[in-house]
Protein backbone atom coordinates (compact mmCIF):
# COMPACT_ATOMS: atom_id res chain seq x y z
CA MET A 1 108.56 96.45 106.28
CA SER A 2 108.29 96.60 102.49
CA ILE A 3 107.22 99.63 100.48
CA ILE A 4 103.58 99.58 99.38
CA VAL A 5 102.97 100.59 95.77
CA LEU A 6 99.81 102.68 95.35
CA ASP A 7 99.97 103.24 91.58
CA SER A 8 98.57 100.58 89.27
CA VAL A 9 97.68 100.50 85.59
CA ILE A 10 94.20 99.05 85.06
CA THR A 11 93.67 97.39 81.69
CA CYS A 12 90.12 96.82 80.47
CA PRO A 13 89.49 93.23 79.33
CA ARG A 14 86.89 94.44 76.83
CA CYS A 15 88.74 97.15 74.90
CA SER A 16 92.32 96.78 76.20
CA GLY A 17 92.33 100.45 77.15
CA SER A 18 94.57 101.19 80.10
CA LYS A 19 94.94 103.98 82.61
CA SER A 20 97.19 104.63 85.57
CA GLU A 21 95.24 104.97 88.81
CA THR A 22 96.10 105.50 92.46
CA MET A 23 94.73 102.76 94.69
CA PRO A 24 93.10 103.55 98.02
CA ALA A 25 95.47 102.51 100.79
CA ASP A 26 92.75 101.49 103.22
CA ALA A 27 89.84 100.16 101.15
CA CYS A 28 89.01 97.89 98.25
CA GLN A 29 87.60 99.19 95.02
CA PHE A 30 84.87 96.86 93.82
CA PHE A 31 83.86 98.79 90.70
CA TYR A 32 85.79 100.70 88.06
CA GLU A 33 84.45 102.32 84.90
CA CYS A 34 86.78 102.08 81.91
CA SER A 35 87.47 105.60 80.67
CA HIS A 36 87.73 104.32 77.08
CA CYS A 37 84.63 102.15 76.53
CA ARG A 38 82.68 102.86 79.75
CA THR A 39 82.48 99.17 80.70
CA LEU A 40 81.90 98.71 84.43
CA LEU A 41 84.58 96.35 85.73
CA ARG A 42 84.05 94.12 88.75
CA PRO A 43 86.58 91.80 90.41
CA ASN A 44 87.02 88.33 88.91
CA PRO A 45 85.85 85.43 91.09
CA GLY A 46 88.40 84.86 93.83
CA ASP A 47 89.82 88.40 93.67
CA CYS A 48 89.00 91.03 96.25
CA CYS A 49 89.03 94.14 94.05
CA VAL A 50 89.41 95.47 90.51
CA PHE A 51 93.11 96.17 91.05
CA CYS A 52 93.76 92.51 91.89
CA SER A 53 91.87 91.45 88.74
CA PHE A 54 92.87 94.06 86.17
CA GLY A 55 95.72 96.10 87.65
CA SER A 56 99.44 95.88 87.09
CA VAL A 57 99.89 95.87 90.88
CA LYS A 58 97.76 94.07 93.48
CA CYS A 59 95.95 96.14 96.12
CA PRO A 60 97.82 97.34 99.26
CA PRO A 61 96.34 94.74 101.68
CA ILE A 62 97.38 91.90 99.35
CA GLN A 63 100.84 93.47 98.96
CA GLN A 64 101.09 93.41 102.77
CA GLN A 65 99.98 89.76 102.77
CA SER A 66 96.96 90.54 104.89
CA ARG A 67 93.27 90.01 104.40
CA CYS A 68 91.67 92.38 101.99
CA CYS A 69 88.34 94.04 102.74
CA GLY A 70 87.27 91.72 105.43
């Protein structure tokens, strides 16, 4: 079994501000407010959560190669 990484750096596509966040191990995060410009981020089409769209590391279910949030 591989080690699951829970820390990811989210980078805002609007202002390029970034912040390290801890991902929930058992749930998706559909919304994230940028702490720099206050833009509300949502997953890109085809992605299950904001970490998969804007994070440096994909969410834990994707890391485990399982279905995310479903």
